[in-house]
Each structure stands twice: as structure tokens, then as C-alpha cells.
Amino acid sequence: MLSSQQQIIYHVSQWLESDRPVWLCTILKTWGSSPRPIGAMMACTLDGELMGSISGGCIEEDFLEQLRDGSLKQQFDEEGGKPFKVKYGKTAEEQARLKLPCGGQLHVLLEYIEPTESNKSVFTRLNSDLENHKQVSRHLNLATGEITASDSSSEEAVIIDQGMMIHSLSPMYRLLLLGAGDVARYVAELALALEYHVTLCDPRPNYLDNWEVDGVEVTSRLPDDVVRERFSNPYSGVIALAHDPRVDDMALMEALKTDAFYVGAMGSERTSAARRERLPELGLTRDEIDILHAPIGFQIGSKTPAEIAIAIMAEVTAKRHDAL
């Protein structure tokens, strides 16, 4: 499973490798209500094969119509073969025609990308870095259309500076769930809908026998090994749901020493307090233990497994977007 952003980069890379030119659209600015955020992309081949979106569908239809009637290429030629900006929703009439939310406007940058060796190399690099959970950004020279890649990224999705567009790309986030149970099932389903790659780990015999969610990787390996090998970067989260210290603590003793963006453990106030007293025995410092979210999730009075999962993923989402 790939995030929507990774899917677009992957398909652009594949199209270029097949010597097919590509139109790439990137949202630069939004005003009012916008169906897609800044940095969202849409890619399209000359024969209309499309990946991604920049609206609810009407802008895509308008784009394809301009592609078919040749006006898109004509505008590109009039711009001197350079990337150019299109403003959607400038008037109330256009907002209604394109079915944009009231007051919504989009500024979209359009690029015509030829399948040159340089462009093939850049998109291969972008795709590889995203697959390997590395920070990467795409740099576009707005005067020449030249594209390069950098191993740095910014909290801002798009920055325009001195004639360059810097588009920071985010690798797909991963979540490691500990403990095969009903809460983990609902957390996994919500996380998949939010475009996380989800792994469920439970080393206890027979616990995985009847646990399955389509799209979730399942492993019975030791949790500390799994954390150490794959869930130690800023794009990883670790959620302990086993209610068994032999499983949960084994993962936590590794996860709390990493750069994981979120580490949480399910349990009552009393259970969480006992865990905090126990973790120093595993070699963790107080500063490391303070990173732990426990009891896990926002306090919304949740009782059922589904409600608990909502509380957990709400907190994970807030943490991911630095809203905590």
C-alpha cells in the first residue's frame, strides 16, 4: 500500500521510464474552503491516464477537456515552455461551475515533464527515497522547468523562493500495533483509511490464529526486534495494546529510545502509573518515559473497542500534525 503522494510519484516515474511525457499539477495556494491541501498533486499522461486529484473531480474534468482540445499545450507554448500557474475559482460563477466550496480558490502549478534521462533519474530517486522512508524534496526551477531532488524537507509542503519551488514530500507513515485483539482490529482499520502502513505484532502462541485485517502485515516476531529494525524513525508510531507487559514493555523499551513520532500504551490510570514505575528497570530514563502517551488516546468517555480506537487515532493524528 502506498500513500496518495507516493502513488503519484511512483506512476510518474513509471510513465517517464516508458518514455511517456507527463503533466504534473501541484497545488501552490488555497483560499477559503479547499477540497485538497497545499502540495497535493495530480499527474496525467497525454492520452488521459490520470493519477491523484486536486479537487472533488470537476477541475480534473476541466483539465482533461483542455488536454483533449489542445488548449493546455497551447498555453504551455505561450508561456515559453515553462511551468505556469492556473487560478481556479476566481469568480463565483467559476466556483459554481467547478463545484468548489463557497469562497474556495486554488492556485495550481502545471508542469509538462519530458521523459529525459535527467527527469527519469530524479523521479526514480524520489520514488526510492519515499519507499525507504527518507526525507526528500523536489526542487523545480520555475524559469527553466529543470527538476532536481534534495534530501532535505520542510514542515511547509510548498515554498516558493528565488524562482524555485521546493516541494517537500512525505514518506508513508507506519504504525506498529502490539497485541492481537478487538481494539487493534479497529485501530488497524482506521489507520488504513488514514493511509498508514500497519503492522500487527504478537509473539504469543495462538493469538494470531483468528486475527486478520485486509492490508495489515502480521508478524509473531519479538516486538523489540521489530521496533529496532523498522519503527525507529520519525515516520513511525508504536501502539501497545496487548495488556501484557511481556509484549507491551518489550516494544516500549525500544520505541521510547527512538525518533518515533508517537509511542502509546493502552491501560487505566493505575496500570499506566505502574508501567511508568516499571520501565526504569528496563534501562529507560525519566525523560524517555515522559514521551509515552499513557493512558492512550483522547479522553472522550470511550467504552467499546471501536470508540477506544477512535480516541487513539485522534491522538495519533494530532501528534502527527504537531497539534498536541
C-alpha atoms as a PDB file:
ATOM      1  CA  MET A   1       0.000   0.000   0.000  1.00  0.00           C
ATOM      2  CA  LEU A   2       1.255   3.478  -0.920  1.00  0.00           C
ATOM      3  CA  SER A   3       0.096   6.890   0.225  1.00  0.00           C
ATOM      4  CA  SER A   4      -1.645   9.027  -2.413  1.00  0.00           C
ATOM      5  CA  GLN A   5       1.503  11.160  -2.729  1.00  0.00           C
ATOM      6  CA  GLN A   6       3.755   8.138  -3.190  1.00  0.00           C
ATOM      7  CA  GLN A   7       1.381   6.648  -5.745  1.00  0.00           C
ATOM      8  CA  ILE A   8       1.696   9.756  -7.900  1.00  0.00           C
ATOM      9  CA  ILE A   9       5.494   9.853  -7.719  1.00  0.00           C
ATOM     10  CA  TYR A  10       5.619   6.125  -8.497  1.00  0.00           C
ATOM     11  CA  HIS A  11       3.361   6.438 -11.525  1.00  0.00           C
ATOM     12  CA  VAL A  12       5.196   9.496 -12.875  1.00  0.00           C
ATOM     13  CA  SER A  13       8.448   7.542 -12.558  1.00  0.00           C
ATOM     14  CA  GLN A  14       6.937   4.569 -14.390  1.00  0.00           C
ATOM     15  CA  TRP A  15       5.460   6.705 -17.152  1.00  0.00           C
ATOM     16  CA  LEU A  16       8.728   8.523 -17.748  1.00  0.00           C
ATOM     17  CA  GLU A  17      10.625   5.230 -17.840  1.00  0.00           C
ATOM     18  CA  SER A  18       8.190   4.168 -20.577  1.00  0.00           C
ATOM     19  CA  ASP A  19       9.105   7.359 -22.500  1.00  0.00           C
ATOM     20  CA  ARG A  20       5.696   8.925 -21.922  1.00  0.00           C
ATOM     21  CA  PRO A  21       5.537  12.693 -21.230  1.00  0.00           C
ATOM     22  CA  VAL A  22       3.577  13.668 -18.126  1.00  0.00           C
ATOM     23  CA  TRP A  23       1.579  16.670 -16.964  1.00  0.00           C
ATOM     24  CA  LEU A  24       2.092  17.247 -13.243  1.00  0.00           C
ATOM     25  CA  CYS A  25      -0.198  19.598 -11.295  1.00  0.00           C
ATOM     26  CA  THR A  26       0.708  20.813  -7.789  1.00  0.00           C
ATOM     27  CA  ILE A  27      -1.466  22.958  -5.511  1.00  0.00           C
ATOM     28  CA  LEU A  28       0.515  26.050  -4.509  1.00  0.00           C
ATOM     29  CA  LYS A  29      -2.054  28.092  -2.586  1.00  0.00           C
ATOM     30  CA  THR A  30      -5.619  27.782  -1.357  1.00  0.00           C
ATOM     31  CA  TRP A  31      -8.161  30.335  -0.208  1.00  0.00           C
ATOM     32  CA  GLY A  32     -11.312  29.619   1.734  1.00  0.00           C
ATOM     33  CA  SER A  33     -12.504  26.039   1.798  1.00  0.00           C
ATOM     34  CA  SER A  34     -10.373  23.728  -0.323  1.00  0.00           C
ATOM     35  CA  PRO A  35     -11.009  20.060  -1.123  1.00  0.00           C
ATOM     36  CA  ARG A  36      -7.268  19.283  -1.218  1.00  0.00           C
ATOM     37  CA  PRO A  37      -4.303  20.706   0.762  1.00  0.00           C
ATOM     38  CA  ILE A  38      -1.296  22.663  -0.444  1.00  0.00           C
ATOM     39  CA  GLY A  39       1.211  20.276  -2.011  1.00  0.00           C
ATOM     40  CA  ALA A  40      -1.439  17.848  -3.275  1.00  0.00           C
ATOM     41  CA  MET A  41      -0.704  16.580  -6.780  1.00  0.00           C
ATOM     42  CA  MET A  42      -2.341  15.186  -9.860  1.00  0.00           C
ATOM     43  CA  ALA A  43      -0.463  13.577 -12.760  1.00  0.00           C
ATOM     44  CA  CYS A  44      -1.722  12.778 -16.239  1.00  0.00           C
ATOM     45  CA  THR A  45      -0.338  11.275 -19.436  1.00  0.00           C
ATOM     46  CA  LEU A  46      -1.075  12.706 -22.882  1.00  0.00           C
ATOM     47  CA  ASP A  47      -3.677  10.018 -23.511  1.00  0.00           C
ATOM     48  CA  GLY A  48      -5.601  10.948 -20.372  1.00  0.00           C
ATOM     49  CA  GLU A  49      -4.402   8.328 -17.874  1.00  0.00           C
ATOM     50  CA  LEU A  50      -4.758  10.173 -14.572  1.00  0.00           C
ATOM     51  CA  MET A  51      -3.466   9.647 -11.032  1.00  0.00           C
ATOM     52  CA  GLY A  52      -4.291  11.726  -7.950  1.00  0.00           C
ATOM     53  CA  SER A  53      -6.612  14.701  -7.576  1.00  0.00           C
ATOM     54  CA  ILE A  54      -6.619  18.416  -6.830  1.00  0.00           C
ATOM     55  CA  SER A  55     -10.374  18.829  -6.308  1.00  0.00           C
ATOM     56  CA  GLY A  56     -13.540  16.835  -5.992  1.00  0.00           C
ATOM     57  CA  GLY A  57     -13.459  15.965  -9.680  1.00  0.00           C
ATOM     58  CA  CYS A  58     -14.649  18.993 -11.660  1.00  0.00           C
ATOM     59  CA  ILE A  59     -11.206  20.588 -12.033  1.00  0.00           C
ATOM     60  CA  GLU A  60      -9.913  17.220 -13.188  1.00  0.00           C
ATOM     61  CA  GLU A  61     -12.640  17.106 -15.833  1.00  0.00           C
ATOM     62  CA  ASP A  62     -11.807  20.656 -16.936  1.00  0.00           C
ATOM     63  CA  PHE A  63      -8.125  19.716 -17.144  1.00  0.00           C
ATOM     64  CA  LEU A  64      -8.846  16.642 -19.277  1.00  0.00           C
ATOM     65  CA  GLU A  65     -11.045  18.684 -21.600  1.00  0.00           C
ATOM     66  CA  GLN A  66      -8.206  21.202 -22.125  1.00  0.00           C
ATOM     67  CA  LEU A  67      -5.843  18.300 -22.705  1.00  0.00           C
ATOM     68  CA  ARG A  68      -8.116  16.874 -25.389  1.00  0.00           C
ATOM     69  CA  ASP A  69      -8.757  20.142 -27.233  1.00  0.00           C
ATOM     70  CA  GLY A  70      -5.088  21.161 -27.220  1.00  0.00           C
ATOM     71  CA  SER A  71      -5.555  24.387 -25.247  1.00  0.00           C
ATOM     72  CA  LEU A  72      -3.333  23.077 -22.427  1.00  0.00           C
ATOM     73  CA  LYS A  73      -0.354  22.590 -24.726  1.00  0.00           C
ATOM     74  CA  GLN A  74      -1.080  25.922 -26.400  1.00  0.00           C
ATOM     75  CA  GLN A  75      -0.924  27.710 -23.054  1.00  0.00           C
ATOM     76  CA  PHE A  76       2.330  25.917 -22.234  1.00  0.00           C
ATOM     77  CA  ASP A  77       3.836  27.070 -25.540  1.00  0.00           C
ATOM     78  CA  GLU A  78       2.639  30.640 -24.919  1.00  0.00           C
ATOM     79  CA  GLU A  79       4.464  30.550 -21.578  1.00  0.00           C
ATOM     80  CA  GLY A  80       7.689  29.736 -23.408  1.00  0.00           C
ATOM     81  CA  GLY A  81       7.732  26.081 -22.442  1.00  0.00           C
ATOM     82  CA  LYS A  82       7.961  26.895 -18.743  1.00  0.00           C
ATOM     83  CA  PRO A  83       5.808  25.749 -15.807  1.00  0.00           C
ATOM     84  CA  PHE A  84       2.781  28.013 -15.475  1.00  0.00           C
ATOM     85  CA  LYS A  85       0.195  28.801 -12.828  1.00  0.00           C
ATOM     86  CA  VAL A  86      -3.571  28.462 -13.197  1.00  0.00           C
ATOM     87  CA  LYS A  87      -6.014  30.074 -10.774  1.00  0.00           C
ATOM     88  CA  TYR A  88      -9.285  28.218 -10.243  1.00  0.00           C
ATOM     89  CA  GLY A  89     -12.340  29.754  -8.562  1.00  0.00           C
ATOM     90  CA  LYS A  90     -11.553  33.431  -9.201  1.00  0.00           C
ATOM     91  CA  THR A  91     -15.250  34.258  -9.581  1.00  0.00           C
ATOM     92  CA  ALA A  92     -18.452  32.984  -8.019  1.00  0.00           C
ATOM     93  CA  GLU A  93     -19.514  31.660 -11.416  1.00  0.00           C
ATOM     94  CA  GLU A  94     -16.309  29.641 -11.787  1.00  0.00           C
ATOM     95  CA  GLN A  95     -16.601  28.344  -8.234  1.00  0.00           C
ATOM     96  CA  ALA A  96     -20.107  27.118  -9.074  1.00  0.00           C
ATOM     97  CA  ARG A  97     -19.014  25.585 -12.389  1.00  0.00           C
ATOM     98  CA  LEU A  98     -16.103  23.747 -10.804  1.00  0.00           C
ATOM     99  CA  LYS A  99     -18.166  22.917  -7.684  1.00  0.00           C
ATOM    100  CA  LEU A 100     -15.601  24.459  -5.363  1.00  0.00           C
ATOM    101  CA  PRO A 101     -16.713  25.194  -1.779  1.00  0.00           C
ATOM    102  CA  CYS A 102     -18.038  28.708  -1.203  1.00  0.00           C
ATOM    103  CA  GLY A 103     -15.165  31.173  -1.471  1.00  0.00           C
ATOM    104  CA  GLY A 104     -12.721  28.432  -2.389  1.00  0.00           C
ATOM    105  CA  GLN A 105      -9.806  29.176  -4.697  1.00  0.00           C
ATOM    106  CA  LEU A 106      -6.876  27.084  -5.863  1.00  0.00           C
ATOM    107  CA  HIS A 107      -3.589  28.190  -7.393  1.00  0.00           C
ATOM    108  CA  VAL A 108      -2.166  25.221  -9.292  1.00  0.00           C
ATOM    109  CA  LEU A 109       1.240  24.908 -10.940  1.00  0.00           C
ATOM    110  CA  LEU A 110       1.279  22.926 -14.174  1.00  0.00           C
ATOM    111  CA  GLU A 111       4.438  21.242 -15.475  1.00  0.00           C
ATOM    112  CA  TYR A 112       4.964  19.405 -18.719  1.00  0.00           C
ATOM    113  CA  ILE A 113       7.644  16.821 -17.959  1.00  0.00           C
ATOM    114  CA  GLU A 114       9.514  15.237 -20.843  1.00  0.00           C
ATOM    115  CA  PRO A 115      10.962  11.702 -20.434  1.00  0.00           C
ATOM    116  CA  THR A 116      14.583  12.871 -20.466  1.00  0.00           C
ATOM    117  CA  GLU A 117      17.287  10.890 -18.704  1.00  0.00           C
ATOM    118  CA  SER A 118      17.584  13.666 -16.122  1.00  0.00           C
ATOM    119  CA  ASN A 119      13.865  13.637 -15.300  1.00  0.00           C
ATOM    120  CA  LYS A 120      13.810   9.835 -15.191  1.00  0.00           C
ATOM    121  CA  SER A 121      16.713   9.880 -12.744  1.00  0.00           C
ATOM    122  CA  VAL A 122      15.078  12.475 -10.472  1.00  0.00           C
ATOM    123  CA  PHE A 123      11.758  10.640 -10.189  1.00  0.00           C
ATOM    124  CA  THR A 124      13.495   7.302  -9.678  1.00  0.00           C
ATOM    125  CA  ARG A 125      15.369   8.925  -6.786  1.00  0.00           C
ATOM    126  CA  LEU A 126      12.187  10.473  -5.342  1.00  0.00           C
ATOM    127  CA  ASN A 127      10.352   7.155  -5.537  1.00  0.00           C
ATOM    128  CA  SER A 128      13.245   5.247  -3.952  1.00  0.00           C
ATOM    129  CA  ASP A 129      13.652   7.703  -1.074  1.00  0.00           C
ATOM    130  CA  LEU A 130       9.940   7.631  -0.272  1.00  0.00           C
ATOM    131  CA  GLU A 131       9.911   3.839  -0.330  1.00  0.00           C
ATOM    132  CA  ASN A 132      12.823   3.827   2.111  1.00  0.00           C
ATOM    133  CA  HIS A 133      11.203   6.370   4.457  1.00  0.00           C
ATOM    134  CA  LYS A 134      13.769   9.075   3.746  1.00  0.00           C
ATOM    135  CA  GLN A 135      13.134  12.795   3.766  1.00  0.00           C
ATOM    136  CA  VAL A 136      13.188  14.206   0.262  1.00  0.00           C
ATOM    137  CA  SER A 137      12.005  17.264  -1.626  1.00  0.00           C
ATOM    138  CA  ARG A 138      11.506  18.132  -5.264  1.00  0.00           C
ATOM    139  CA  HIS A 139      13.073  21.374  -6.482  1.00  0.00           C
ATOM    140  CA  LEU A 140      11.662  22.996  -9.608  1.00  0.00           C
ATOM    141  CA  ASN A 141      13.317  25.902 -11.417  1.00  0.00           C
ATOM    142  CA  LEU A 142      10.295  27.981 -12.401  1.00  0.00           C
ATOM    143  CA  ALA A 143      12.219  29.741 -15.187  1.00  0.00           C
ATOM    144  CA  THR A 144      13.563  26.632 -16.920  1.00  0.00           C
ATOM    145  CA  GLY A 145      11.446  23.711 -15.708  1.00  0.00           C
ATOM    146  CA  GLU A 146      14.549  21.838 -14.515  1.00  0.00           C
ATOM    147  CA  ILE A 147      13.772  19.378 -11.706  1.00  0.00           C
ATOM    148  CA  THR A 148      16.218  18.211  -9.037  1.00  0.00           C
ATOM    149  CA  ALA A 149      15.909  16.336  -5.741  1.00  0.00           C
ATOM    150  CA  SER A 150      17.240  17.120  -2.281  1.00  0.00           C
ATOM    151  CA  ASP A 151      17.469  15.014   0.888  1.00  0.00           C
ATOM    152  CA  SER A 152      16.075  17.850   2.974  1.00  0.00           C
ATOM    153  CA  SER A 153      12.437  18.734   3.602  1.00  0.00           C
ATOM    154  CA  SER A 154      10.380  21.399   5.321  1.00  0.00           C
ATOM    155  CA  GLU A 155       7.293  21.448   7.525  1.00  0.00           C
ATOM    156  CA  GLU A 156       5.746  23.584   4.772  1.00  0.00           C
ATOM    157  CA  ALA A 157       4.588  21.446   1.873  1.00  0.00           C
ATOM    158  CA  VAL A 158       5.440  24.063  -0.764  1.00  0.00           C
ATOM    159  CA  ILE A 159       7.853  27.001  -0.633  1.00  0.00           C
ATOM    160  CA  ILE A 160       8.445  29.456  -3.488  1.00  0.00           C
ATOM    161  CA  ASP A 161      11.819  31.157  -3.083  1.00  0.00           C
ATOM    162  CA  GLN A 162      14.043  32.977  -5.584  1.00  0.00           C
ATOM    163  CA  GLY A 163      12.467  31.412  -8.627  1.00  0.00           C
ATOM    164  CA  MET A 164      12.424  27.888  -7.173  1.00  0.00           C
ATOM    165  CA  MET A 165       9.528  25.762  -5.983  1.00  0.00           C
ATOM    166  CA  ILE A 166      10.545  23.467  -3.151  1.00  0.00           C
ATOM    167  CA  HIS A 167       8.000  20.683  -2.695  1.00  0.00           C
ATOM    168  CA  SER A 168       8.591  18.602   0.431  1.00  0.00           C
ATOM    169  CA  LEU A 169       7.414  15.020   0.023  1.00  0.00           C
ATOM    170  CA  SER A 170       6.443  12.862   2.960  1.00  0.00           C
ATOM    171  CA  PRO A 171       7.134   9.128   3.158  1.00  0.00           C
ATOM    172  CA  MET A 172       4.226   6.929   4.120  1.00  0.00           C
ATOM    173  CA  TYR A 173       3.763   6.757   7.882  1.00  0.00           C
ATOM    174  CA  ARG A 174       3.919   3.368   9.597  1.00  0.00           C
ATOM    175  CA  LEU A 175       2.134   2.122  12.701  1.00  0.00           C
ATOM    176  CA  LEU A 176       3.152  -0.912  14.731  1.00  0.00           C
ATOM    177  CA  LEU A 177       0.299  -2.353  16.798  1.00  0.00           C
ATOM    178  CA  LEU A 178       1.150  -4.707  19.668  1.00  0.00           C
ATOM    179  CA  GLY A 179      -1.383  -7.335  20.682  1.00  0.00           C
ATOM    180  CA  ALA A 180      -3.979  -9.118  18.565  1.00  0.00           C
ATOM    181  CA  GLY A 181      -7.376  -8.080  19.886  1.00  0.00           C
ATOM    182  CA  ASP A 182     -10.568  -6.200  19.051  1.00  0.00           C
ATOM    183  CA  VAL A 183      -9.125  -2.745  19.776  1.00  0.00           C
ATOM    184  CA  ALA A 184      -6.176  -3.479  17.495  1.00  0.00           C
ATOM    185  CA  ARG A 185      -8.602  -4.568  14.775  1.00  0.00           C
ATOM    186  CA  TYR A 186     -10.490  -1.257  14.858  1.00  0.00           C
ATOM    187  CA  VAL A 187      -7.280   0.784  15.165  1.00  0.00           C
ATOM    188  CA  ALA A 188      -5.887  -1.035  12.139  1.00  0.00           C
ATOM    189  CA  GLU A 189      -8.988  -0.340  10.042  1.00  0.00           C
ATOM    190  CA  LEU A 190      -8.963   3.363  10.926  1.00  0.00           C
ATOM    191  CA  ALA A 191      -5.213   3.640  10.342  1.00  0.00           C
ATOM    192  CA  LEU A 192      -5.508   2.067   6.899  1.00  0.00           C
ATOM    193  CA  ALA A 193      -8.207   4.582   5.991  1.00  0.00           C
ATOM    194  CA  LEU A 194      -5.798   7.346   7.086  1.00  0.00           C
ATOM    195  CA  GLU A 195      -3.094   5.977   4.745  1.00  0.00           C
ATOM    196  CA  TYR A 196      -0.794   4.369   7.311  1.00  0.00           C
ATOM    197  CA  HIS A 197       1.108   1.193   6.605  1.00  0.00           C
ATOM    198  CA  VAL A 198       0.032  -1.028   9.500  1.00  0.00           C
ATOM    199  CA  THR A 199       1.842  -3.966  11.097  1.00  0.00           C
ATOM    200  CA  LEU A 200       0.338  -6.103  13.867  1.00  0.00           C
ATOM    201  CA  CYS A 201       2.823  -7.896  16.129  1.00  0.00           C
ATOM    202  CA  ASP A 202       2.016 -10.548  18.726  1.00  0.00           C
ATOM    203  CA  PRO A 203       4.595 -13.185  19.694  1.00  0.00           C
ATOM    204  CA  ARG A 204       2.212 -15.117  21.958  1.00  0.00           C
ATOM    205  CA  PRO A 205       1.267 -18.593  20.678  1.00  0.00           C
ATOM    206  CA  ASN A 206      -2.196 -18.838  19.070  1.00  0.00           C
ATOM    207  CA  TYR A 207      -3.073 -15.135  19.466  1.00  0.00           C
ATOM    208  CA  LEU A 208      -2.761 -14.536  15.726  1.00  0.00           C
ATOM    209  CA  ASP A 209      -4.744 -17.604  14.691  1.00  0.00           C
ATOM    210  CA  ASN A 210      -8.033 -15.802  14.009  1.00  0.00           C
ATOM    211  CA  TRP A 211      -6.808 -12.228  13.701  1.00  0.00           C
ATOM    212  CA  GLU A 212      -6.843 -10.791  10.200  1.00  0.00           C
ATOM    213  CA  VAL A 213      -7.487  -7.383   8.636  1.00  0.00           C
ATOM    214  CA  ASP A 214      -7.010  -6.997   4.895  1.00  0.00           C
ATOM    215  CA  GLY A 215      -3.987  -4.820   4.170  1.00  0.00           C
ATOM    216  CA  VAL A 216      -2.312  -5.347   7.557  1.00  0.00           C
ATOM    217  CA  GLU A 217       1.033  -7.100   7.825  1.00  0.00           C
ATOM    218  CA  VAL A 218       1.095  -9.648  10.671  1.00  0.00           C
ATOM    219  CA  THR A 219       4.173 -10.946  12.481  1.00  0.00           C
ATOM    220  CA  SER A 220       4.897 -13.131  15.512  1.00  0.00           C
ATOM    221  CA  ARG A 221       8.489 -11.927  15.867  1.00  0.00           C
ATOM    222  CA  LEU A 222       9.766 -10.414  19.099  1.00  0.00           C
ATOM    223  CA  PRO A 223       8.468  -6.839  19.382  1.00  0.00           C
ATOM    224  CA  ASP A 224      11.782  -5.221  20.316  1.00  0.00           C
ATOM    225  CA  ASP A 225      13.401  -6.652  17.182  1.00  0.00           C
ATOM    226  CA  VAL A 226      10.571  -5.336  15.003  1.00  0.00           C
ATOM    227  CA  VAL A 227      10.806  -1.850  16.538  1.00  0.00           C
ATOM    228  CA  ARG A 228      14.579  -1.746  16.216  1.00  0.00           C
ATOM    229  CA  GLU A 229      14.585  -2.801  12.582  1.00  0.00           C
ATOM    230  CA  ARG A 230      11.626  -0.913  11.126  1.00  0.00           C
ATOM    231  CA  PHE A 231       9.915   1.505  13.512  1.00  0.00           C
ATOM    232  CA  SER A 232      12.653   3.797  14.808  1.00  0.00           C
ATOM    233  CA  ASN A 233      12.303   6.842  12.513  1.00  0.00           C
ATOM    234  CA  PRO A 234      10.111   9.988  12.666  1.00  0.00           C
ATOM    235  CA  TYR A 235       7.582   8.427  10.289  1.00  0.00           C
ATOM    236  CA  SER A 236       6.812   5.536  12.660  1.00  0.00           C
ATOM    237  CA  GLY A 237       4.416   5.105  15.553  1.00  0.00           C
ATOM    238  CA  VAL A 238       4.193   2.306  18.127  1.00  0.00           C
ATOM    239  CA  ILE A 239       0.913   1.481  19.879  1.00  0.00           C
ATOM    240  CA  ALA A 240       0.916  -1.089  22.700  1.00  0.00           C
ATOM    241  CA  LEU A 241      -2.490  -2.759  23.029  1.00  0.00           C
ATOM    242  CA  ALA A 242      -1.674  -6.233  24.362  1.00  0.00           C
ATOM    243  CA  HIS A 243      -2.429  -5.614  28.060  1.00  0.00           C
ATOM    244  CA  ASP A 244       0.521  -7.943  28.652  1.00  0.00           C
ATOM    245  CA  PRO A 245       3.821  -6.481  29.911  1.00  0.00           C
ATOM    246  CA  ARG A 246       5.731  -9.299  28.231  1.00  0.00           C
ATOM    247  CA  VAL A 247       4.594  -7.911  24.882  1.00  0.00           C
ATOM    248  CA  ASP A 248       3.976  -4.222  25.510  1.00  0.00           C
ATOM    249  CA  ASP A 249       7.053  -3.479  27.613  1.00  0.00           C
ATOM    250  CA  MET A 250       9.329  -5.350  25.236  1.00  0.00           C
ATOM    251  CA  ALA A 251       8.288  -2.950  22.458  1.00  0.00           C
ATOM    252  CA  LEU A 252       8.230   0.159  24.649  1.00  0.00           C
ATOM    253  CA  MET A 253      11.761  -0.311  25.959  1.00  0.00           C
ATOM    254  CA  GLU A 254      12.992   0.073  22.370  1.00  0.00           C
ATOM    255  CA  ALA A 255      10.423   2.513  20.983  1.00  0.00           C
ATOM    256  CA  LEU A 256      10.951   5.142  23.692  1.00  0.00           C
ATOM    257  CA  LYS A 257      14.622   5.387  22.718  1.00  0.00           C
ATOM    258  CA  THR A 258      13.862   6.068  19.056  1.00  0.00           C
ATOM    259  CA  ASP A 259      12.697   9.027  16.957  1.00  0.00           C
ATOM    260  CA  ALA A 260       9.229   7.519  16.513  1.00  0.00           C
ATOM    261  CA  PHE A 261       6.690  10.349  16.280  1.00  0.00           C
ATOM    262  CA  TYR A 262       4.239   8.581  18.597  1.00  0.00           C
ATOM    263  CA  VAL A 263       4.527   5.923  21.312  1.00  0.00           C
ATOM    264  CA  GLY A 264       1.474   4.984  23.336  1.00  0.00           C
ATOM    265  CA  ALA A 265       0.202   2.215  25.596  1.00  0.00           C
ATOM    266  CA  MET A 266      -3.374   1.240  26.477  1.00  0.00           C
ATOM    267  CA  GLY A 267      -4.357   0.902  30.105  1.00  0.00           C
ATOM    268  CA  SER A 268      -6.067   2.597  33.031  1.00  0.00           C
ATOM    269  CA  GLU A 269      -4.508   5.392  35.081  1.00  0.00           C
ATOM    270  CA  ARG A 270      -3.467   2.800  37.650  1.00  0.00           C
ATOM    271  CA  THR A 271      -1.985   0.450  35.039  1.00  0.00           C
ATOM    272  CA  SER A 272      -0.169   3.322  33.350  1.00  0.00           C
ATOM    273  CA  ALA A 273       1.294   4.526  36.640  1.00  0.00           C
ATOM    274  CA  ALA A 274       2.543   1.019  37.396  1.00  0.00           C
ATOM    275  CA  ARG A 275       4.097   0.816  33.940  1.00  0.00           C
ATOM    276  CA  ARG A 276       5.935   4.131  34.440  1.00  0.00           C
ATOM    277  CA  GLU A 277       7.398   2.783  37.660  1.00  0.00           C
ATOM    278  CA  ARG A 278       8.416  -0.457  35.957  1.00  0.00           C
ATOM    279  CA  LEU A 279      10.063   0.961  32.824  1.00  0.00           C
ATOM    280  CA  PRO A 280      13.225   2.297  34.565  1.00  0.00           C
ATOM    281  CA  GLU A 281      14.064  -1.314  35.371  1.00  0.00           C
ATOM    282  CA  LEU A 282      14.350  -1.843  31.604  1.00  0.00           C
ATOM    283  CA  GLY A 283      17.005   0.858  31.299  1.00  0.00           C
ATOM    284  CA  LEU A 284      14.794   3.808  30.353  1.00  0.00           C
ATOM    285  CA  THR A 285      15.365   7.303  31.717  1.00  0.00           C
ATOM    286  CA  ARG A 286      12.608   9.500  33.080  1.00  0.00           C
ATOM    287  CA  ASP A 287      12.890  11.785  30.039  1.00  0.00           C
ATOM    288  CA  GLU A 288      12.367   8.800  27.739  1.00  0.00           C
ATOM    289  CA  ILE A 289       9.421   7.564  29.786  1.00  0.00           C
ATOM    290  CA  ASP A 290       7.817  11.021  29.648  1.00  0.00           C
ATOM    291  CA  ILE A 291       7.464  10.585  25.873  1.00  0.00           C
ATOM    292  CA  LEU A 292       4.950   7.791  26.448  1.00  0.00           C
ATOM    293  CA  HIS A 293       1.267   8.528  25.855  1.00  0.00           C
ATOM    294  CA  ALA A 294      -0.477   6.560  28.599  1.00  0.00           C
ATOM    295  CA  PRO A 295      -3.319   6.160  29.163  1.00  0.00           C
ATOM    296  CA  ILE A 296      -3.515   6.150  25.395  1.00  0.00           C
ATOM    297  CA  GLY A 297      -5.908   8.278  23.360  1.00  0.00           C
ATOM    298  CA  PHE A 298      -8.028  11.353  23.941  1.00  0.00           C
ATOM    299  CA  GLN A 299     -10.391  11.104  26.886  1.00  0.00           C
ATOM    300  CA  ILE A 300     -13.790  11.016  25.162  1.00  0.00           C
ATOM    301  CA  GLY A 301     -15.554   8.617  27.512  1.00  0.00           C
ATOM    302  CA  SER A 302     -14.921   5.724  25.139  1.00  0.00           C
ATOM    303  CA  LYS A 303     -16.079   2.282  26.260  1.00  0.00           C
ATOM    304  CA  THR A 304     -16.299  -0.022  23.247  1.00  0.00           C
ATOM    305  CA  PRO A 305     -13.308  -1.199  21.171  1.00  0.00           C
ATOM    306  CA  ALA A 306     -14.431   0.973  18.244  1.00  0.00           C
ATOM    307  CA  GLU A 307     -14.727   4.073  20.451  1.00  0.00           C
ATOM    308  CA  ILE A 308     -11.325   3.413  22.014  1.00  0.00           C
ATOM    309  CA  ALA A 309      -9.819   3.109  18.538  1.00  0.00           C
ATOM    310  CA  ILE A 310     -11.299   6.482  17.547  1.00  0.00           C
ATOM    311  CA  ALA A 311      -9.784   8.086  20.664  1.00  0.00           C
ATOM    312  CA  ILE A 312      -6.400   6.522  19.893  1.00  0.00           C
ATOM    313  CA  MET A 313      -6.266   7.540  16.240  1.00  0.00           C
ATOM    314  CA  ALA A 314      -7.459  11.053  17.082  1.00  0.00           C
ATOM    315  CA  GLU A 315      -4.472  11.438  19.413  1.00  0.00           C
ATOM    316  CA  VAL A 316      -2.087   9.876  16.881  1.00  0.00           C
ATOM    317  CA  THR A 317      -3.377  12.271  14.205  1.00  0.00           C
ATOM    318  CA  ALA A 318      -2.962  15.278  16.481  1.00  0.00           C
ATOM    319  CA  LYS A 319       0.582  14.240  17.339  1.00  0.00           C
ATOM    320  CA  ARG A 320       1.457  13.656  13.685  1.00  0.00           C
ATOM    321  CA  HIS A 321       0.329  17.194  12.853  1.00  0.00           C
ATOM    322  CA  ASP A 322       2.004  18.728  15.934  1.00  0.00           C
ATOM    323  CA  ALA A 323      -1.370  19.677  17.390  1.00  0.00           C
ATOM    324  CA  LEU A 324      -0.565  18.303  20.865  1.00  0.00           C
END
